[in-house]
Amino acid sequence: LQKTKEALLSSDRNLRLANDKADKLTIKKLTYGNPTMKRKFD
């Protein structure tokens, strides 16, 4: 049960980190210097 609790707490921390990374992700960053990706979006 203690290990399960620690795993849940770790999962919550990883979710917050993933959410922060998603918030910082923009199209400009993804397509900058990448004409192939920009062409696909166009």
PDB file of all heavy atoms in Angstrom:
ATOM      1  N   LEU A   1       0.824  -1.208   0.000  1.00  0.00           N
ATOM      2  CA  LEU A   1       0.000   0.000   0.000  1.00  0.00           C
ATOM      3  C   LEU A   1       0.851   1.248   0.000  1.00  0.00           C
ATOM      4  O   LEU A   1       0.516   2.252  -0.640  1.00  0.00           O
ATOM      5  CB  LEU A   1      -0.933  -0.010   1.207  1.00  0.00           C
ATOM      6  CG  LEU A   1      -2.048  -1.066   1.194  1.00  0.00           C
ATOM      7  CD1 LEU A   1      -2.775  -1.092   2.527  1.00  0.00           C
ATOM      8  CD2 LEU A   1      -3.029  -0.822   0.060  1.00  0.00           C
ATOM      9  N   GLN A   2       1.982   1.216   0.718  1.00  0.00           N
ATOM     10  CA  GLN A   2       2.874   2.366   0.740  1.00  0.00           C
ATOM     11  C   GLN A   2       3.475   2.617  -0.642  1.00  0.00           C
ATOM     12  O   GLN A   2       3.574   3.762  -1.096  1.00  0.00           O
ATOM     13  CB  GLN A   2       4.005   2.133   1.767  1.00  0.00           C
ATOM     14  CG  GLN A   2       4.855   3.366   2.040  1.00  0.00           C
ATOM     15  CD  GLN A   2       4.086   4.471   2.711  1.00  0.00           C
ATOM     16  OE1 GLN A   2       3.230   4.218   3.544  1.00  0.00           O
ATOM     17  NE2 GLN A   2       4.364   5.696   2.315  1.00  0.00           N
ATOM     18  N   LYS A   3       3.859   1.513  -1.325  1.00  0.00           N
ATOM     19  CA  LYS A   3       4.397   1.645  -2.678  1.00  0.00           C
ATOM     20  C   LYS A   3       3.331   2.172  -3.637  1.00  0.00           C
ATOM     21  O   LYS A   3       3.629   2.970  -4.530  1.00  0.00           O
ATOM     22  CB  LYS A   3       4.929   0.293  -3.159  1.00  0.00           C
ATOM     23  CG  LYS A   3       6.189  -0.152  -2.429  1.00  0.00           C
ATOM     24  CD  LYS A   3       6.657  -1.512  -2.947  1.00  0.00           C
ATOM     25  CE  LYS A   3       7.921  -1.970  -2.213  1.00  0.00           C
ATOM     26  NZ  LYS A   3       8.362  -3.317  -2.708  1.00  0.00           N
ATOM     27  N   THR A   4       2.091   1.704  -3.472  1.00  0.00           N
ATOM     28  CA  THR A   4       0.997   2.191  -4.312  1.00  0.00           C
ATOM     29  C   THR A   4       0.776   3.680  -4.126  1.00  0.00           C
ATOM     30  O   THR A   4       0.577   4.430  -5.074  1.00  0.00           O
ATOM     31  CB  THR A   4      -0.294   1.429  -3.988  1.00  0.00           C
ATOM     32  OG1 THR A   4      -0.091   0.027  -4.165  1.00  0.00           O
ATOM     33  CG2 THR A   4      -1.441   1.890  -4.891  1.00  0.00           C
ATOM     34  N   LYS A   5       0.842   4.132  -2.874  1.00  0.00           N
ATOM     35  CA  LYS A   5       0.696   5.557  -2.584  1.00  0.00           C
ATOM     36  C   LYS A   5       1.805   6.364  -3.255  1.00  0.00           C
ATOM     37  O   LYS A   5       1.551   7.392  -3.886  1.00  0.00           O
ATOM     38  CB  LYS A   5       0.721   5.775  -1.077  1.00  0.00           C
ATOM     39  CG  LYS A   5       0.694   7.243  -0.670  1.00  0.00           C
ATOM     40  CD  LYS A   5       0.855   7.395   0.835  1.00  0.00           C
ATOM     41  CE  LYS A   5       0.947   8.884   1.207  1.00  0.00           C
ATOM     42  NZ  LYS A   5       1.175   9.026   2.687  1.00  0.00           N
ATOM     43  N   GLU A   6       3.044   5.875  -3.125  1.00  0.00           N
ATOM     44  CA  GLU A   6       4.175   6.572  -3.745  1.00  0.00           C
ATOM     45  C   GLU A   6       4.046   6.618  -5.261  1.00  0.00           C
ATOM     46  O   GLU A   6       4.371   7.621  -5.900  1.00  0.00           O
ATOM     47  CB  GLU A   6       5.481   5.891  -3.338  1.00  0.00           C
ATOM     48  CG  GLU A   6       5.798   6.031  -1.850  1.00  0.00           C
ATOM     49  CD  GLU A   6       7.014   5.217  -1.435  1.00  0.00           C
ATOM     50  OE1 GLU A   6       7.579   4.502  -2.294  1.00  0.00           O
ATOM     51  OE2 GLU A   6       7.395   5.286  -0.247  1.00  0.00           O
ATOM     52  N   ALA A   7       3.558   5.517  -5.860  1.00  0.00           N
ATOM     53  CA  ALA A   7       3.363   5.486  -7.316  1.00  0.00           C
ATOM     54  C   ALA A   7       2.314   6.497  -7.757  1.00  0.00           C
ATOM     55  O   ALA A   7       2.465   7.165  -8.773  1.00  0.00           O
ATOM     56  CB  ALA A   7       2.969   4.075  -7.764  1.00  0.00           C
ATOM     57  N   LEU A   8       1.226   6.632  -7.000  1.00  0.00           N
ATOM     58  CA  LEU A   8       0.179   7.596  -7.326  1.00  0.00           C
ATOM     59  C   LEU A   8       0.695   9.028  -7.223  1.00  0.00           C
ATOM     60  O   LEU A   8       0.388   9.878  -8.054  1.00  0.00           O
ATOM     61  CB  LEU A   8      -1.020   7.401  -6.417  1.00  0.00           C
ATOM     62  CG  LEU A   8      -1.854   6.134  -6.674  1.00  0.00           C
ATOM     63  CD1 LEU A   8      -2.882   5.940  -5.577  1.00  0.00           C
ATOM     64  CD2 LEU A   8      -2.537   6.202  -8.021  1.00  0.00           C
ATOM     65  N   LEU A   9       1.472   9.297  -6.158  1.00  0.00           N
ATOM     66  CA  LEU A   9       2.049  10.635  -6.014  1.00  0.00           C
ATOM     67  C   LEU A   9       3.004  10.946  -7.161  1.00  0.00           C
ATOM     68  O   LEU A   9       3.025  12.058  -7.686  1.00  0.00           O
ATOM     69  CB  LEU A   9       2.771  10.741  -4.670  1.00  0.00           C
ATOM     70  CG  LEU A   9       1.876  10.718  -3.429  1.00  0.00           C
ATOM     71  CD1 LEU A   9       2.729  10.684  -2.172  1.00  0.00           C
ATOM     72  CD2 LEU A   9       0.953  11.921  -3.397  1.00  0.00           C
ATOM     73  N   SER A  10       3.811   9.941  -7.559  1.00  0.00           N
ATOM     74  CA  SER A  10       4.733  10.131  -8.672  1.00  0.00           C
ATOM     75  C   SER A  10       3.977  10.357  -9.970  1.00  0.00           C
ATOM     76  O   SER A  10       4.367  11.183 -10.794  1.00  0.00           O
ATOM     77  CB  SER A  10       5.654   8.919  -8.793  1.00  0.00           C
ATOM     78  OG  SER A  10       6.511   9.023  -9.899  1.00  0.00           O
ATOM     79  N   SER A  11       2.867   9.614 -10.189  1.00  0.00           N
ATOM     80  CA  SER A  11       2.046   9.801 -11.376  1.00  0.00           C
ATOM     81  C   SER A  11       1.472  11.203 -11.444  1.00  0.00           C
ATOM     82  O   SER A  11       1.429  11.821 -12.498  1.00  0.00           O
ATOM     83  CB  SER A  11       0.921   8.762 -11.397  1.00  0.00           C
ATOM     84  OG  SER A  11       0.057   8.978 -12.477  1.00  0.00           O
ATOM     85  N   ASP A  12       1.029  11.735 -10.293  1.00  0.00           N
ATOM     86  CA  ASP A  12       0.470  13.090 -10.260  1.00  0.00           C
ATOM     87  C   ASP A  12       1.530  14.122 -10.629  1.00  0.00           C
ATOM     88  O   ASP A  12       1.273  15.055 -11.378  1.00  0.00           O
ATOM     89  CB  ASP A  12      -0.093  13.378  -8.866  1.00  0.00           C
ATOM     90  CG  ASP A  12      -0.761  14.731  -8.788  1.00  0.00           C
ATOM     91  OD1 ASP A  12      -1.729  14.961  -9.489  1.00  0.00           O
ATOM     92  OD2 ASP A  12      -0.263  15.558  -8.033  1.00  0.00           O
ATOM     93  N   ARG A  13       2.765  13.929 -10.105  1.00  0.00           N
ATOM     94  CA  ARG A  13       3.844  14.856 -10.444  1.00  0.00           C
ATOM     95  C   ARG A  13       4.170  14.816 -11.937  1.00  0.00           C
ATOM     96  O   ARG A  13       4.377  15.849 -12.583  1.00  0.00           O
ATOM     97  CB  ARG A  13       5.088  14.523  -9.624  1.00  0.00           C
ATOM     98  CG  ARG A  13       4.962  14.875  -8.142  1.00  0.00           C
ATOM     99  CD  ARG A  13       6.307  14.801  -7.445  1.00  0.00           C
ATOM    100  NE  ARG A  13       6.824  13.473  -7.410  1.00  0.00           N
ATOM    101  CZ  ARG A  13       6.586  12.582  -6.429  1.00  0.00           C
ATOM    102  NH1 ARG A  13       5.864  12.939  -5.384  1.00  0.00           N
ATOM    103  NH2 ARG A  13       7.113  11.385  -6.468  1.00  0.00           N
ATOM    104  N   ASN A  14       4.202  13.607 -12.513  1.00  0.00           N
ATOM    105  CA  ASN A  14       4.485  13.477 -13.945  1.00  0.00           C
ATOM    106  C   ASN A  14       3.391  14.106 -14.800  1.00  0.00           C
ATOM    107  O   ASN A  14       3.657  14.680 -15.853  1.00  0.00           O
ATOM    108  CB  ASN A  14       4.662  11.999 -14.304  1.00  0.00           C
ATOM    109  CG  ASN A  14       5.942  11.409 -13.755  1.00  0.00           C
ATOM    110  OD1 ASN A  14       6.939  12.126 -13.642  1.00  0.00           O
ATOM    111  ND2 ASN A  14       5.935  10.131 -13.414  1.00  0.00           N
ATOM    112  N   LEU A  15       2.124  13.985 -14.348  1.00  0.00           N
ATOM    113  CA  LEU A  15       1.025  14.615 -15.078  1.00  0.00           C
ATOM    114  C   LEU A  15       1.163  16.136 -15.087  1.00  0.00           C
ATOM    115  O   LEU A  15       0.918  16.791 -16.093  1.00  0.00           O
ATOM    116  CB  LEU A  15      -0.309  14.212 -14.461  1.00  0.00           C
ATOM    117  CG  LEU A  15      -0.813  12.797 -14.790  1.00  0.00           C
ATOM    118  CD1 LEU A  15      -2.048  12.471 -13.976  1.00  0.00           C
ATOM    119  CD2 LEU A  15      -1.106  12.676 -16.275  1.00  0.00           C
ATOM    120  N   ARG A  16       1.547  16.685 -13.939  1.00  0.00           N
ATOM    121  CA  ARG A  16       1.738  18.131 -13.892  1.00  0.00           C
ATOM    122  C   ARG A  16       2.881  18.572 -14.799  1.00  0.00           C
ATOM    123  O   ARG A  16       2.785  19.583 -15.497  1.00  0.00           O
ATOM    124  CB  ARG A  16       1.999  18.572 -12.455  1.00  0.00           C
ATOM    125  CG  ARG A  16       0.753  18.530 -11.569  1.00  0.00           C
ATOM    126  CD  ARG A  16       0.963  19.351 -10.302  1.00  0.00           C
ATOM    127  NE  ARG A  16       2.012  18.828  -9.486  1.00  0.00           N
ATOM    128  CZ  ARG A  16       1.836  17.920  -8.518  1.00  0.00           C
ATOM    129  NH1 ARG A  16       0.627  17.489  -8.239  1.00  0.00           N
ATOM    130  NH2 ARG A  16       2.853  17.486  -7.812  1.00  0.00           N
ATOM    131  N   LEU A  17       3.983  17.814 -14.815  1.00  0.00           N
ATOM    132  CA  LEU A  17       5.105  18.140 -15.690  1.00  0.00           C
ATOM    133  C   LEU A  17       4.701  18.050 -17.158  1.00  0.00           C
ATOM    134  O   LEU A  17       5.059  18.901 -17.977  1.00  0.00           O
ATOM    135  CB  LEU A  17       6.288  17.210 -15.401  1.00  0.00           C
ATOM    136  CG  LEU A  17       6.987  17.384 -14.057  1.00  0.00           C
ATOM    137  CD1 LEU A  17       8.021  16.289 -13.847  1.00  0.00           C
ATOM    138  CD2 LEU A  17       7.659  18.758 -13.987  1.00  0.00           C
ATOM    139  N   ALA A  18       3.948  16.990 -17.506  1.00  0.00           N
ATOM    140  CA  ALA A  18       3.486  16.837 -18.878  1.00  0.00           C
ATOM    141  C   ALA A  18       2.568  17.977 -19.291  1.00  0.00           C
ATOM    142  O   ALA A  18       2.631  18.480 -20.404  1.00  0.00           O
ATOM    143  CB  ALA A  18       2.773  15.483 -19.044  1.00  0.00           C
ATOM    144  N   ASN A  19       1.690  18.410 -18.363  1.00  0.00           N
ATOM    145  CA  ASN A  19       0.786  19.526 -18.633  1.00  0.00           C
ATOM    146  C   ASN A  19       1.559  20.823 -18.850  1.00  0.00           C
ATOM    147  O   ASN A  19       1.239  21.614 -19.740  1.00  0.00           O
ATOM    148  CB  ASN A  19      -0.211  19.682 -17.488  1.00  0.00           C
ATOM    149  CG  ASN A  19      -1.298  20.695 -17.796  1.00  0.00           C
ATOM    150  OD1 ASN A  19      -1.991  20.606 -18.789  1.00  0.00           O
ATOM    151  ND2 ASN A  19      -1.415  21.654 -16.927  1.00  0.00           N
ATOM    152  N   ASP A  20       2.602  21.041 -18.033  1.00  0.00           N
ATOM    153  CA  ASP A  20       3.428  22.241 -18.207  1.00  0.00           C
ATOM    154  C   ASP A  20       4.137  22.240 -19.558  1.00  0.00           C
ATOM    155  O   ASP A  20       4.232  23.261 -20.242  1.00  0.00           O
ATOM    156  CB  ASP A  20       4.456  22.336 -17.076  1.00  0.00           C
ATOM    157  CG  ASP A  20       3.806  22.587 -15.729  1.00  0.00           C
ATOM    158  OD1 ASP A  20       2.675  23.088 -15.706  1.00  0.00           O
ATOM    159  OD2 ASP A  20       4.439  22.293 -14.709  1.00  0.00           O
ATOM    160  N   LYS A  21       4.661  21.054 -19.952  1.00  0.00           N
ATOM    161  CA  LYS A  21       5.321  20.947 -21.253  1.00  0.00           C
ATOM    162  C   LYS A  21       4.339  21.192 -22.393  1.00  0.00           C
ATOM    163  O   LYS A  21       4.691  21.828 -23.388  1.00  0.00           O
ATOM    164  CB  LYS A  21       5.966  19.574 -21.391  1.00  0.00           C
ATOM    165  CG  LYS A  21       7.150  19.365 -20.474  1.00  0.00           C
ATOM    166  CD  LYS A  21       7.754  17.977 -20.654  1.00  0.00           C
ATOM    167  CE  LYS A  21       8.953  17.784 -19.730  1.00  0.00           C
ATOM    168  NZ  LYS A  21       9.533  16.409 -19.885  1.00  0.00           N
ATOM    169  N   ALA A  22       3.101  20.689 -22.266  1.00  0.00           N
ATOM    170  CA  ALA A  22       2.092  20.892 -23.301  1.00  0.00           C
ATOM    171  C   ALA A  22       1.713  22.369 -23.430  1.00  0.00           C
ATOM    172  O   ALA A  22       1.473  22.874 -24.518  1.00  0.00           O
ATOM    173  CB  ALA A  22       0.851  20.046 -23.009  1.00  0.00           C
ATOM    174  N   ASP A  23       1.646  23.086 -22.273  1.00  0.00           N
ATOM    175  CA  ASP A  23       1.324  24.506 -22.302  1.00  0.00           C
ATOM    176  C   ASP A  23       2.404  25.318 -23.015  1.00  0.00           C
ATOM    177  O   ASP A  23       2.130  26.324 -23.660  1.00  0.00           O
ATOM    178  CB  ASP A  23       1.131  25.033 -20.877  1.00  0.00           C
ATOM    179  CG  ASP A  23      -0.132  24.485 -20.229  1.00  0.00           C
ATOM    180  OD1 ASP A  23      -1.044  24.071 -20.955  1.00  0.00           O
ATOM    181  OD2 ASP A  23      -0.188  24.502 -18.996  1.00  0.00           O
ATOM    182  N   LYS A  24       3.663  24.903 -22.884  1.00  0.00           N
ATOM    183  CA  LYS A  24       4.778  25.617 -23.507  1.00  0.00           C
ATOM    184  C   LYS A  24       4.933  25.265 -24.990  1.00  0.00           C
ATOM    185  O   LYS A  24       5.655  25.939 -25.720  1.00  0.00           O
ATOM    186  CB  LYS A  24       6.067  25.314 -22.763  1.00  0.00           C
ATOM    187  CG  LYS A  24       6.080  25.830 -21.330  1.00  0.00           C
ATOM    188  CD  LYS A  24       7.378  25.454 -20.639  1.00  0.00           C
ATOM    189  CE  LYS A  24       7.388  25.969 -19.194  1.00  0.00           C
ATOM    190  NZ  LYS A  24       8.661  25.582 -18.505  1.00  0.00           N
ATOM    191  N   LEU A  25       4.249  24.204 -25.437  1.00  0.00           N
ATOM    192  CA  LEU A  25       4.371  23.767 -26.821  1.00  0.00           C
ATOM    193  C   LEU A  25       3.526  24.637 -27.741  1.00  0.00           C
ATOM    194  O   LEU A  25       2.339  24.812 -27.544  1.00  0.00           O
ATOM    195  CB  LEU A  25       3.940  22.301 -26.948  1.00  0.00           C
ATOM    196  CG  LEU A  25       4.135  21.649 -28.318  1.00  0.00           C
ATOM    197  CD1 LEU A  25       5.598  21.559 -28.682  1.00  0.00           C
ATOM    198  CD2 LEU A  25       3.488  20.269 -28.347  1.00  0.00           C
ATOM    199  N   THR A  26       4.137  25.222 -28.761  1.00  0.00           N
ATOM    200  CA  THR A  26       3.431  26.076 -29.713  1.00  0.00           C
ATOM    201  C   THR A  26       3.730  25.609 -31.135  1.00  0.00           C
ATOM    202  O   THR A  26       4.700  24.906 -31.401  1.00  0.00           O
ATOM    203  CB  THR A  26       3.856  27.545 -29.554  1.00  0.00           C
ATOM    204  OG1 THR A  26       5.266  27.683 -29.849  1.00  0.00           O
ATOM    205  CG2 THR A  26       3.574  28.048 -28.139  1.00  0.00           C
ATOM    206  N   ILE A  27       2.858  26.033 -32.075  1.00  0.00           N
ATOM    207  CA  ILE A  27       3.045  25.691 -33.479  1.00  0.00           C
ATOM    208  C   ILE A  27       4.322  26.332 -34.030  1.00  0.00           C
ATOM    209  O   ILE A  27       5.041  25.760 -34.839  1.00  0.00           O
ATOM    210  CB  ILE A  27       1.822  26.142 -34.297  1.00  0.00           C
ATOM    211  CG1 ILE A  27       0.593  25.358 -33.862  1.00  0.00           C
ATOM    212  CG2 ILE A  27       2.066  25.951 -35.785  1.00  0.00           C
ATOM    213  CD1 ILE A  27       0.723  23.865 -34.086  1.00  0.00           C
ATOM    214  N   LYS A  28       4.599  27.546 -33.538  1.00  0.00           N
ATOM    215  CA  LYS A  28       5.797  28.236 -33.996  1.00  0.00           C
ATOM    216  C   LYS A  28       7.055  27.448 -33.690  1.00  0.00           C
ATOM    217  O   LYS A  28       7.971  27.334 -34.507  1.00  0.00           O
ATOM    218  CB  LYS A  28       5.858  29.622 -33.345  1.00  0.00           C
ATOM    219  CG  LYS A  28       6.993  30.485 -33.875  1.00  0.00           C
ATOM    220  CD  LYS A  28       6.937  31.880 -33.254  1.00  0.00           C
ATOM    221  CE  LYS A  28       8.079  32.770 -33.804  1.00  0.00           C
ATOM    222  NZ  LYS A  28       8.025  34.117 -33.196  1.00  0.00           N
ATOM    223  N   LYS A  29       7.087  26.869 -32.466  1.00  0.00           N
ATOM    224  CA  LYS A  29       8.239  26.058 -32.079  1.00  0.00           C
ATOM    225  C   LYS A  29       8.315  24.770 -32.894  1.00  0.00           C
ATOM    226  O   LYS A  29       9.397  24.316 -33.247  1.00  0.00           O
ATOM    227  CB  LYS A  29       8.165  25.731 -30.589  1.00  0.00           C
ATOM    228  CG  LYS A  29       8.395  26.933 -29.694  1.00  0.00           C
ATOM    229  CD  LYS A  29       8.357  26.529 -28.227  1.00  0.00           C
ATOM    230  CE  LYS A  29       8.612  27.731 -27.316  1.00  0.00           C
ATOM    231  NZ  LYS A  29       8.578  27.323 -25.894  1.00  0.00           N
ATOM    232  N   LEU A  30       7.145  24.185 -33.170  1.00  0.00           N
ATOM    233  CA  LEU A  30       7.124  22.920 -33.881  1.00  0.00           C
ATOM    234  C   LEU A  30       7.506  23.059 -35.357  1.00  0.00           C
ATOM    235  O   LEU A  30       8.120  22.173 -35.933  1.00  0.00           O
ATOM    236  CB  LEU A  30       5.738  22.285 -33.770  1.00  0.00           C
ATOM    237  CG  LEU A  30       5.346  21.743 -32.391  1.00  0.00           C
ATOM    238  CD1 LEU A  30       3.913  21.279 -32.393  1.00  0.00           C
ATOM    239  CD2 LEU A  30       6.266  20.606 -31.980  1.00  0.00           C
ATOM    240  N   THR A  31       7.102  24.183 -35.964  1.00  0.00           N
ATOM    241  CA  THR A  31       7.307  24.340 -37.401  1.00  0.00           C
ATOM    242  C   THR A  31       8.522  25.186 -37.763  1.00  0.00           C
ATOM    243  O   THR A  31       8.872  25.298 -38.944  1.00  0.00           O
ATOM    244  CB  THR A  31       6.062  24.966 -38.026  1.00  0.00           C
ATOM    245  OG1 THR A  31       5.799  26.253 -37.434  1.00  0.00           O
ATOM    246  CG2 THR A  31       4.849  24.080 -37.843  1.00  0.00           C
ATOM    247  N   TYR A  32       9.157  25.803 -36.759  1.00  0.00           N
ATOM    248  CA  TYR A  32      10.322  26.643 -37.035  1.00  0.00           C
ATOM    249  C   TYR A  32      11.466  25.802 -37.603  1.00  0.00           C
ATOM    250  O   TYR A  32      11.915  24.828 -37.002  1.00  0.00           O
ATOM    251  CB  TYR A  32      10.770  27.351 -35.767  1.00  0.00           C
ATOM    252  CG  TYR A  32      11.988  28.252 -35.986  1.00  0.00           C
ATOM    253  CD1 TYR A  32      11.853  29.506 -36.601  1.00  0.00           C
ATOM    254  CD2 TYR A  32      13.252  27.853 -35.591  1.00  0.00           C
ATOM    255  CE1 TYR A  32      12.950  30.310 -36.810  1.00  0.00           C
ATOM    256  CE2 TYR A  32      14.356  28.649 -35.795  1.00  0.00           C
ATOM    257  CZ  TYR A  32      14.212  29.889 -36.402  1.00  0.00           C
ATOM    258  OH  TYR A  32      15.312  30.687 -36.591  1.00  0.00           O
ATOM    259  N   GLY A  33      11.959  26.231 -38.790  1.00  0.00           N
ATOM    260  CA  GLY A  33      13.067  25.518 -39.409  1.00  0.00           C
ATOM    261  C   GLY A  33      12.688  24.150 -39.929  1.00  0.00           C
ATOM    262  O   GLY A  33      13.548  23.334 -40.230  1.00  0.00           O
ATOM    263  N   ASN A  34      11.381  23.860 -40.036  1.00  0.00           N
ATOM    264  CA  ASN A  34      10.913  22.561 -40.491  1.00  0.00           C
ATOM    265  C   ASN A  34       9.889  22.784 -41.598  1.00  0.00           C
ATOM    266  O   ASN A  34       8.686  22.775 -41.369  1.00  0.00           O
ATOM    267  CB  ASN A  34      10.310  21.772 -39.327  1.00  0.00           C
ATOM    268  CG  ASN A  34      10.088  20.308 -39.682  1.00  0.00           C
ATOM    269  OD1 ASN A  34      10.032  19.925 -40.853  1.00  0.00           O
ATOM    270  ND2 ASN A  34       9.940  19.478 -38.656  1.00  0.00           N
ATOM    271  N   PRO A  35      10.325  22.992 -42.843  1.00  0.00           N
ATOM    272  CA  PRO A  35       9.396  23.275 -43.945  1.00  0.00           C
ATOM    273  C   PRO A  35       8.460  22.118 -44.234  1.00  0.00           C
ATOM    274  O   PRO A  35       7.337  22.315 -44.686  1.00  0.00           O
ATOM    275  CB  PRO A  35      10.319  23.575 -45.118  1.00  0.00           C
ATOM    276  CG  PRO A  35      11.618  22.899 -44.781  1.00  0.00           C
ATOM    277  CD  PRO A  35      11.737  22.986 -43.298  1.00  0.00           C
ATOM    278  N   THR A  36       8.911  20.887 -43.981  1.00  0.00           N
ATOM    279  CA  THR A  36       8.054  19.720 -44.222  1.00  0.00           C
ATOM    280  C   THR A  36       6.820  19.762 -43.336  1.00  0.00           C
ATOM    281  O   THR A  36       5.691  19.553 -43.803  1.00  0.00           O
ATOM    282  CB  THR A  36       8.842  18.431 -43.969  1.00  0.00           C
ATOM    283  OG1 THR A  36       9.984  18.405 -44.813  1.00  0.00           O
ATOM    284  CG2 THR A  36       7.963  17.217 -44.271  1.00  0.00           C
ATOM    285  N   MET A  37       7.009  20.037 -42.067  1.00  0.00           N
ATOM    286  CA  MET A  37       5.883  20.117 -41.136  1.00  0.00           C
ATOM    287  C   MET A  37       4.967  21.281 -41.489  1.00  0.00           C
ATOM    288  O   MET A  37       3.743  21.163 -41.465  1.00  0.00           O
ATOM    289  CB  MET A  37       6.403  20.249 -39.700  1.00  0.00           C
ATOM    290  CG  MET A  37       5.305  20.308 -38.646  1.00  0.00           C
ATOM    291  SD  MET A  37       4.299  18.830 -38.631  1.00  0.00           S
ATOM    292  CE  MET A  37       5.481  17.686 -38.067  1.00  0.00           C
ATOM    293  N   LYS A  38       5.557  22.437 -41.846  1.00  0.00           N
ATOM    294  CA  LYS A  38       4.748  23.598 -42.209  1.00  0.00           C
ATOM    295  C   LYS A  38       3.909  23.300 -43.449  1.00  0.00           C
ATOM    296  O   LYS A  38       2.740  23.677 -43.538  1.00  0.00           O
ATOM    297  CB  LYS A  38       5.639  24.808 -42.452  1.00  0.00           C
ATOM    298  CG  LYS A  38       4.870  26.105 -42.647  1.00  0.00           C
ATOM    299  CD  LYS A  38       5.818  27.279 -42.799  1.00  0.00           C
ATOM    300  CE  LYS A  38       5.064  28.600 -42.910  1.00  0.00           C
ATOM    301  NZ  LYS A  38       4.096  28.595 -44.048  1.00  0.00           N
ATOM    302  N   ARG A  39       4.507  22.588 -44.421  1.00  0.00           N
ATOM    303  CA  ARG A  39       3.789  22.245 -45.651  1.00  0.00           C
ATOM    304  C   ARG A  39       2.619  21.320 -45.366  1.00  0.00           C
ATOM    305  O   ARG A  39       1.549  21.443 -45.954  1.00  0.00           O
ATOM    306  CB  ARG A  39       4.736  21.608 -46.654  1.00  0.00           C
ATOM    307  CG  ARG A  39       4.112  21.362 -48.024  1.00  0.00           C
ATOM    308  CD  ARG A  39       5.153  21.009 -49.077  1.00  0.00           C
ATOM    309  NE  ARG A  39       5.954  19.874 -48.727  1.00  0.00           N
ATOM    310  CZ  ARG A  39       7.235  19.959 -48.306  1.00  0.00           C
ATOM    311  NH1 ARG A  39       7.838  21.150 -48.198  1.00  0.00           N
ATOM    312  NH2 ARG A  39       7.914  18.866 -47.998  1.00  0.00           N
ATOM    313  N   LYS A  40       2.818  20.372 -44.429  1.00  0.00           N
ATOM    314  CA  LYS A  40       1.738  19.457 -44.063  1.00  0.00           C
ATOM    315  C   LYS A  40       0.566  20.208 -43.423  1.00  0.00           C
ATOM    316  O   LYS A  40      -0.596  19.933 -43.714  1.00  0.00           O
ATOM    317  CB  LYS A  40       2.259  18.372 -43.123  1.00  0.00           C
ATOM    318  CG  LYS A  40       3.152  17.356 -43.803  1.00  0.00           C
ATOM    319  CD  LYS A  40       3.565  16.265 -42.842  1.00  0.00           C
ATOM    320  CE  LYS A  40       4.434  15.233 -43.546  1.00  0.00           C
ATOM    321  NZ  LYS A  40       4.837  14.141 -42.619  1.00  0.00           N
ATOM    322  N   PHE A  41       0.895  21.143 -42.557  1.00  0.00           N
ATOM    323  CA  PHE A  41      -0.161  21.933 -41.933  1.00  0.00           C
ATOM    324  C   PHE A  41      -0.889  22.797 -42.968  1.00  0.00           C
ATOM    325  O   PHE A  41      -2.122  22.951 -42.917  1.00  0.00           O
ATOM    326  CB  PHE A  41       0.413  22.828 -40.827  1.00  0.00           C
ATOM    327  CG  PHE A  41       0.618  22.118 -39.537  1.00  0.00           C
ATOM    328  CD1 PHE A  41       1.888  21.959 -39.003  1.00  0.00           C
ATOM    329  CD2 PHE A  41      -0.453  21.594 -38.839  1.00  0.00           C
ATOM    330  CE1 PHE A  41       2.082  21.303 -37.819  1.00  0.00           C
ATOM    331  CE2 PHE A  41      -0.260  20.941 -37.643  1.00  0.00           C
ATOM    332  CZ  PHE A  41       1.010  20.788 -37.129  1.00  0.00           C
ATOM    333  N   ASP A  42      -0.141  23.358 -43.932  1.00  0.00           N
ATOM    334  CA  ASP A  42      -0.759  24.161 -44.993  1.00  0.00           C
ATOM    335  C   ASP A  42      -1.688  23.310 -45.858  1.00  0.00           C
ATOM    336  O   ASP A  42      -2.793  23.732 -46.208  1.00  0.00           O
ATOM    337  CB  ASP A  42       0.320  24.805 -45.852  1.00  0.00           C
ATOM    338  CG  ASP A  42       1.107  25.873 -45.099  1.00  0.00           C
ATOM    339  OD1 ASP A  42       0.586  26.383 -44.075  1.00  0.00           O
ATOM    340  OD2 ASP A  42       2.248  26.198 -45.521  1.00  0.00           O
TER     341      ASP A  42
END
